[in-house]
Amino acid sequence: MFPDGRKVAVKLPAYVEDGQTIRLKGQGEQGPGQPGDALVKIHIRRHPRYRIEGRDLHVDLPVDLADAVLGAKVAVETPTGKLAVNVPAWSSSDKVLRLKGRGLPEKAGGHGDLYAH
């Protein structure tokens, strides 16, 4: 919301980052001539499931002891839906599974990775 009470809907690019400033052309204060630009600083709220590091996402993946010892397919919740991943036999509690390309979109194309801990 602007100081004058106006609200504007802003379409953010998929690759926007926390702390990034975006410019809204012509949406700022009226001065002599054309209205100025509004600068908006983006703050991304914490997600209850995912942690963000750069363009990568991190998620906790609880695994039963039997599945960690024997190996199993388990479901990982990704932003686009559930995905079955293989937990290798004899996995320790510090094992991290990397799901390539399942993270946040990158400006140059592609996606970061999702890490299941």
N, C-alpha and C. Protein backbone atom coordinates (compact mmCIF):
# COMPACT_ATOMS: atom_id res chain seq x y z
N MET A 1 0.86 -1.17 0.00
CA MET A 1 0.00 0.00 0.00
C MET A 1 0.90 1.24 0.00
N PHE A 2 0.50 2.21 -0.77
CA PHE A 2 1.25 3.45 -0.88
C PHE A 2 0.82 4.43 0.21
N PRO A 3 1.66 5.44 0.49
CA PRO A 3 1.31 6.41 1.54
C PRO A 3 -0.03 7.11 1.30
N ASP A 4 -0.44 7.24 0.02
CA ASP A 4 -1.72 7.91 -0.26
C ASP A 4 -2.90 6.94 -0.19
N GLY A 5 -2.66 5.68 0.23
CA GLY A 5 -3.74 4.71 0.39
C GLY A 5 -3.98 3.83 -0.82
N ARG A 6 -3.30 4.11 -1.94
CA ARG A 6 -3.48 3.30 -3.14
C ARG A 6 -2.88 1.91 -2.94
N LYS A 7 -3.51 0.95 -3.60
CA LYS A 7 -2.96 -0.41 -3.66
C LYS A 7 -2.78 -0.76 -5.12
N VAL A 8 -1.71 -1.46 -5.42
CA VAL A 8 -1.49 -1.92 -6.79
C VAL A 8 -1.14 -3.40 -6.75
N ALA A 9 -1.60 -4.11 -7.76
CA ALA A 9 -1.23 -5.52 -7.91
C ALA A 9 0.07 -5.55 -8.71
N VAL A 10 1.01 -6.33 -8.25
CA VAL A 10 2.31 -6.41 -8.90
C VAL A 10 2.56 -7.85 -9.29
N LYS A 11 2.87 -8.07 -10.56
CA LYS A 11 3.23 -9.42 -11.01
C LYS A 11 4.75 -9.54 -10.87
N LEU A 12 5.17 -10.42 -9.97
CA LEU A 12 6.59 -10.60 -9.73
C LEU A 12 7.16 -11.66 -10.67
N PRO A 13 8.38 -11.44 -11.14
CA PRO A 13 9.01 -12.49 -11.94
C PRO A 13 9.28 -13.71 -11.08
N ALA A 14 9.29 -14.89 -11.68
CA ALA A 14 9.48 -16.14 -10.94
C ALA A 14 10.84 -16.18 -10.25
N TYR A 15 11.81 -15.45 -10.74
CA TYR A 15 13.16 -15.51 -10.21
C TYR A 15 13.46 -14.42 -9.18
N VAL A 16 12.44 -13.74 -8.65
CA VAL A 16 12.66 -12.67 -7.68
C VAL A 16 13.31 -13.24 -6.41
N GLU A 17 14.18 -12.45 -5.78
CA GLU A 17 14.90 -12.90 -4.59
C GLU A 17 14.57 -12.02 -3.39
N ASP A 18 14.73 -12.58 -2.21
CA ASP A 18 14.52 -11.84 -0.97
C ASP A 18 15.49 -10.67 -0.92
N GLY A 19 15.00 -9.49 -0.58
CA GLY A 19 15.83 -8.31 -0.49
C GLY A 19 15.99 -7.56 -1.81
N GLN A 20 15.50 -8.11 -2.89
CA GLN A 20 15.60 -7.47 -4.20
C GLN A 20 14.66 -6.27 -4.25
N THR A 21 15.07 -5.22 -4.95
CA THR A 21 14.22 -4.05 -5.15
C THR A 21 13.74 -4.05 -6.60
N ILE A 22 12.43 -3.87 -6.77
CA ILE A 22 11.88 -3.78 -8.12
C ILE A 22 11.30 -2.38 -8.32
N ARG A 23 11.32 -1.94 -9.56
CA ARG A 23 10.85 -0.59 -9.92
C ARG A 23 9.48 -0.69 -10.57
N LEU A 24 8.54 0.11 -10.07
CA LEU A 24 7.21 0.21 -10.68
C LEU A 24 7.14 1.55 -11.39
N LYS A 25 7.33 1.52 -12.69
CA LYS A 25 7.39 2.77 -13.47
C LYS A 25 6.07 3.53 -13.41
N GLY A 26 6.18 4.82 -13.13
CA GLY A 26 5.01 5.70 -13.12
C GLY A 26 4.08 5.51 -11.93
N GLN A 27 4.47 4.72 -10.95
CA GLN A 27 3.59 4.46 -9.79
C GLN A 27 4.02 5.24 -8.55
N GLY A 28 5.03 6.10 -8.68
CA GLY A 28 5.53 6.85 -7.54
C GLY A 28 4.77 8.15 -7.32
N GLU A 29 5.36 9.02 -6.51
CA GLU A 29 4.76 10.31 -6.18
C GLU A 29 4.65 11.20 -7.42
N GLN A 30 3.59 12.00 -7.43
CA GLN A 30 3.41 12.96 -8.51
C GLN A 30 4.30 14.16 -8.24
N GLY A 31 5.11 14.50 -9.21
CA GLY A 31 5.95 15.69 -9.11
C GLY A 31 5.66 16.56 -10.31
N PRO A 32 6.52 17.51 -10.57
CA PRO A 32 6.34 18.29 -11.79
C PRO A 32 6.53 17.36 -13.00
N GLY A 33 5.58 17.34 -13.86
CA GLY A 33 5.65 16.44 -15.02
C GLY A 33 5.04 15.09 -14.70
N GLN A 34 5.68 14.05 -15.15
CA GLN A 34 5.18 12.68 -15.00
C GLN A 34 5.35 12.19 -13.56
N PRO A 35 4.50 11.24 -13.13
CA PRO A 35 4.71 10.62 -11.81
C PRO A 35 6.05 9.88 -11.79
N GLY A 36 6.66 9.84 -10.63
CA GLY A 36 7.93 9.13 -10.49
C GLY A 36 7.72 7.62 -10.43
N ASP A 37 8.80 6.92 -10.23
CA ASP A 37 8.74 5.47 -10.10
C ASP A 37 8.69 5.11 -8.62
N ALA A 38 8.02 4.02 -8.31
CA ALA A 38 8.01 3.50 -6.94
C ALA A 38 9.02 2.36 -6.87
N LEU A 39 9.83 2.36 -5.82
CA LEU A 39 10.78 1.28 -5.60
C LEU A 39 10.23 0.41 -4.47
N VAL A 40 10.10 -0.88 -4.74
CA VAL A 40 9.51 -1.81 -3.77
C VAL A 40 10.56 -2.86 -3.42
N LYS A 41 10.85 -2.99 -2.13
CA LYS A 41 11.80 -4.00 -1.67
C LYS A 41 11.02 -5.27 -1.32
N ILE A 42 11.46 -6.40 -1.86
CA ILE A 42 10.78 -7.68 -1.69
C ILE A 42 11.28 -8.38 -0.44
N HIS A 43 10.34 -8.84 0.37
CA HIS A 43 10.65 -9.67 1.54
C HIS A 43 9.86 -10.96 1.40
N ILE A 44 10.56 -12.08 1.31
CA ILE A 44 9.91 -13.38 1.14
C ILE A 44 9.68 -13.98 2.52
N ARG A 45 8.43 -14.28 2.81
CA ARG A 45 8.05 -14.85 4.09
C ARG A 45 8.56 -16.29 4.18
N ARG A 46 8.97 -16.70 5.38
CA ARG A 46 9.42 -18.08 5.59
C ARG A 46 8.29 -19.05 5.31
N HIS A 47 8.64 -20.15 4.67
CA HIS A 47 7.68 -21.20 4.39
C HIS A 47 7.78 -22.24 5.50
N PRO A 48 6.66 -22.81 5.94
CA PRO A 48 6.74 -23.79 7.03
C PRO A 48 7.48 -25.07 6.64
N ARG A 49 7.58 -25.38 5.37
CA ARG A 49 8.20 -26.64 4.94
C ARG A 49 9.59 -26.43 4.32
N TYR A 50 9.77 -25.39 3.53
CA TYR A 50 10.99 -25.22 2.76
C TYR A 50 11.88 -24.11 3.32
N ARG A 51 13.19 -24.31 3.16
CA ARG A 51 14.17 -23.27 3.44
C ARG A 51 14.84 -22.91 2.11
N ILE A 52 15.11 -21.63 1.92
CA ILE A 52 15.69 -21.16 0.66
C ILE A 52 17.15 -20.81 0.89
N GLU A 53 18.02 -21.30 0.01
CA GLU A 53 19.42 -20.90 -0.02
C GLU A 53 19.76 -20.62 -1.48
N GLY A 54 19.82 -19.35 -1.83
CA GLY A 54 20.03 -18.99 -3.23
C GLY A 54 18.82 -19.43 -4.04
N ARG A 55 19.03 -20.26 -5.04
CA ARG A 55 17.92 -20.77 -5.86
C ARG A 55 17.57 -22.21 -5.47
N ASP A 56 18.24 -22.73 -4.42
CA ASP A 56 17.98 -24.09 -3.96
C ASP A 56 16.98 -24.10 -2.81
N LEU A 57 16.20 -25.17 -2.75
CA LEU A 57 15.26 -25.39 -1.65
C LEU A 57 15.75 -26.55 -0.80
N HIS A 58 15.50 -26.46 0.50
CA HIS A 58 15.84 -27.53 1.43
C HIS A 58 14.58 -27.93 2.18
N VAL A 59 14.38 -29.24 2.34
CA VAL A 59 13.20 -29.75 3.02
C VAL A 59 13.63 -30.89 3.93
N ASP A 60 12.97 -31.01 5.07
CA ASP A 60 13.22 -32.14 5.97
C ASP A 60 12.44 -33.34 5.46
N LEU A 61 13.09 -34.50 5.47
CA LEU A 61 12.47 -35.73 4.99
C LEU A 61 12.58 -36.80 6.07
N PRO A 62 11.52 -36.97 6.87
CA PRO A 62 11.58 -38.02 7.88
C PRO A 62 11.54 -39.40 7.20
N VAL A 63 12.44 -40.27 7.63
CA VAL A 63 12.53 -41.62 7.07
C VAL A 63 12.52 -42.61 8.22
N ASP A 64 11.67 -43.63 8.12
CA ASP A 64 11.62 -44.68 9.14
C ASP A 64 12.96 -45.41 9.18
N LEU A 65 13.30 -45.93 10.36
CA LEU A 65 14.56 -46.65 10.54
C LEU A 65 14.67 -47.82 9.56
N ALA A 66 13.61 -48.58 9.41
CA ALA A 66 13.64 -49.74 8.51
C ALA A 66 13.91 -49.29 7.07
N ASP A 67 13.31 -48.19 6.64
CA ASP A 67 13.53 -47.69 5.28
C ASP A 67 14.97 -47.21 5.10
N ALA A 68 15.54 -46.58 6.14
CA ALA A 68 16.92 -46.10 6.06
C ALA A 68 17.90 -47.27 6.00
N VAL A 69 17.61 -48.34 6.72
CA VAL A 69 18.51 -49.50 6.74
C VAL A 69 18.37 -50.35 5.48
N LEU A 70 17.13 -50.62 5.09
CA LEU A 70 16.89 -51.52 3.96
C LEU A 70 16.84 -50.81 2.61
N GLY A 71 16.63 -49.50 2.63
CA GLY A 71 16.44 -48.74 1.40
C GLY A 71 14.97 -48.79 1.01
N ALA A 72 14.48 -47.72 0.44
CA ALA A 72 13.06 -47.66 0.07
C ALA A 72 12.81 -46.48 -0.84
N LYS A 73 11.65 -46.51 -1.47
CA LYS A 73 11.15 -45.33 -2.19
C LYS A 73 10.26 -44.57 -1.22
N VAL A 74 10.51 -43.27 -1.08
CA VAL A 74 9.68 -42.43 -0.21
C VAL A 74 9.21 -41.22 -1.00
N ALA A 75 8.11 -40.65 -0.55
CA ALA A 75 7.54 -39.48 -1.23
C ALA A 75 8.12 -38.20 -0.63
N VAL A 76 8.57 -37.32 -1.50
CA VAL A 76 9.06 -36.00 -1.11
C VAL A 76 8.07 -34.98 -1.66
N GLU A 77 7.63 -34.07 -0.80
CA GLU A 77 6.72 -33.00 -1.22
C GLU A 77 7.56 -31.90 -1.86
N THR A 78 7.33 -31.64 -3.15
CA THR A 78 8.01 -30.56 -3.85
C THR A 78 6.99 -29.44 -4.10
N PRO A 79 7.44 -28.25 -4.48
CA PRO A 79 6.48 -27.18 -4.77
C PRO A 79 5.49 -27.53 -5.88
N THR A 80 5.84 -28.47 -6.74
CA THR A 80 4.94 -28.84 -7.84
C THR A 80 4.21 -30.16 -7.60
N GLY A 81 4.36 -30.73 -6.41
CA GLY A 81 3.67 -31.98 -6.08
C GLY A 81 4.62 -33.02 -5.51
N LYS A 82 4.07 -34.19 -5.20
CA LYS A 82 4.88 -35.25 -4.59
C LYS A 82 5.73 -35.94 -5.65
N LEU A 83 6.90 -36.38 -5.20
CA LEU A 83 7.84 -37.06 -6.08
C LEU A 83 8.43 -38.24 -5.31
N ALA A 84 8.48 -39.41 -5.93
CA ALA A 84 9.07 -40.59 -5.28
C ALA A 84 10.58 -40.57 -5.49
N VAL A 85 11.33 -40.74 -4.39
CA VAL A 85 12.79 -40.79 -4.47
C VAL A 85 13.28 -42.06 -3.78
N ASN A 86 14.43 -42.53 -4.22
CA ASN A 86 15.03 -43.72 -3.63
C ASN A 86 15.93 -43.33 -2.47
N VAL A 87 15.68 -43.91 -1.31
CA VAL A 87 16.57 -43.77 -0.16
C VAL A 87 17.47 -45.00 -0.21
N PRO A 88 18.79 -44.81 -0.39
CA PRO A 88 19.68 -45.97 -0.48
C PRO A 88 19.73 -46.74 0.84
N ALA A 89 19.97 -48.05 0.73
CA ALA A 89 20.13 -48.87 1.94
C ALA A 89 21.30 -48.35 2.77
N TRP A 90 21.19 -48.49 4.06
CA TRP A 90 22.20 -48.07 5.04
C TRP A 90 22.43 -46.56 5.02
N SER A 91 21.38 -45.79 4.74
CA SER A 91 21.49 -44.32 4.78
C SER A 91 21.57 -43.85 6.22
N SER A 92 22.48 -42.94 6.48
CA SER A 92 22.61 -42.38 7.83
C SER A 92 21.72 -41.15 7.96
N SER A 93 21.58 -40.67 9.18
CA SER A 93 20.68 -39.53 9.42
C SER A 93 21.19 -38.24 8.78
N ASP A 94 22.48 -38.18 8.43
CA ASP A 94 23.00 -36.96 7.80
C ASP A 94 23.02 -37.07 6.26
N LYS A 95 22.42 -38.12 5.73
CA LYS A 95 22.34 -38.30 4.27
C LYS A 95 21.43 -37.22 3.67
N VAL A 96 21.90 -36.58 2.60
CA VAL A 96 21.12 -35.55 1.91
C VAL A 96 20.89 -36.03 0.48
N LEU A 97 19.63 -36.01 0.07
CA LEU A 97 19.27 -36.41 -1.30
C LEU A 97 19.08 -35.16 -2.15
N ARG A 98 19.72 -35.12 -3.31
CA ARG A 98 19.62 -33.96 -4.21
C ARG A 98 18.67 -34.28 -5.35
N LEU A 99 17.66 -33.43 -5.52
CA LEU A 99 16.72 -33.56 -6.63
C LEU A 99 17.03 -32.43 -7.61
N LYS A 100 17.80 -32.74 -8.61
CA LYS A 100 18.31 -31.74 -9.56
C LYS A 100 17.16 -31.07 -10.31
N GLY A 101 17.22 -29.74 -10.37
CA GLY A 101 16.24 -28.97 -11.15
C GLY A 101 14.88 -28.82 -10.50
N ARG A 102 14.76 -29.17 -9.21
CA ARG A 102 13.46 -29.08 -8.52
C ARG A 102 13.39 -27.89 -7.57
N GLY A 103 14.35 -26.96 -7.69
CA GLY A 103 14.36 -25.77 -6.84
C GLY A 103 13.65 -24.60 -7.49
N LEU A 104 14.08 -23.40 -7.15
CA LEU A 104 13.45 -22.18 -7.65
C LEU A 104 13.95 -21.83 -9.05
N PRO A 105 13.10 -21.16 -9.85
CA PRO A 105 13.52 -20.77 -11.20
C PRO A 105 14.70 -19.79 -11.15
N GLU A 106 15.57 -19.89 -12.14
CA GLU A 106 16.70 -18.99 -12.27
C GLU A 106 16.44 -18.01 -13.41
N LYS A 107 16.97 -16.81 -13.29
CA LYS A 107 16.73 -15.77 -14.29
C LYS A 107 17.23 -16.18 -15.67
N ALA A 108 18.37 -16.86 -15.71
CA ALA A 108 18.96 -17.25 -16.99
C ALA A 108 18.33 -18.53 -17.55
N GLY A 109 17.33 -19.05 -16.87
CA GLY A 109 16.70 -20.31 -17.30
C GLY A 109 17.12 -21.44 -16.38
N GLY A 110 16.36 -22.49 -16.38
CA GLY A 110 16.65 -23.61 -15.51
C GLY A 110 16.12 -23.38 -14.10
N HIS A 111 16.46 -24.28 -13.22
CA HIS A 111 16.02 -24.21 -11.83
C HIS A 111 17.16 -24.62 -10.91
N GLY A 112 17.07 -24.17 -9.67
CA GLY A 112 17.98 -24.66 -8.64
C GLY A 112 17.60 -26.09 -8.29
N ASP A 113 18.19 -26.61 -7.23
CA ASP A 113 17.94 -27.98 -6.81
C ASP A 113 17.14 -28.01 -5.52
N LEU A 114 16.54 -29.17 -5.24
CA LEU A 114 15.85 -29.38 -3.97
C LEU A 114 16.66 -30.42 -3.20
N TYR A 115 16.98 -30.11 -1.96
CA TYR A 115 17.75 -31.02 -1.11
C TYR A 115 16.84 -31.53 0.00
N ALA A 116 16.73 -32.85 0.09
CA ALA A 116 15.93 -33.49 1.13
C ALA A 116 16.88 -34.00 2.20
N HIS A 117 16.71 -33.51 3.43
CA HIS A 117 17.57 -33.87 4.56
C HIS A 117 16.87 -34.89 5.44
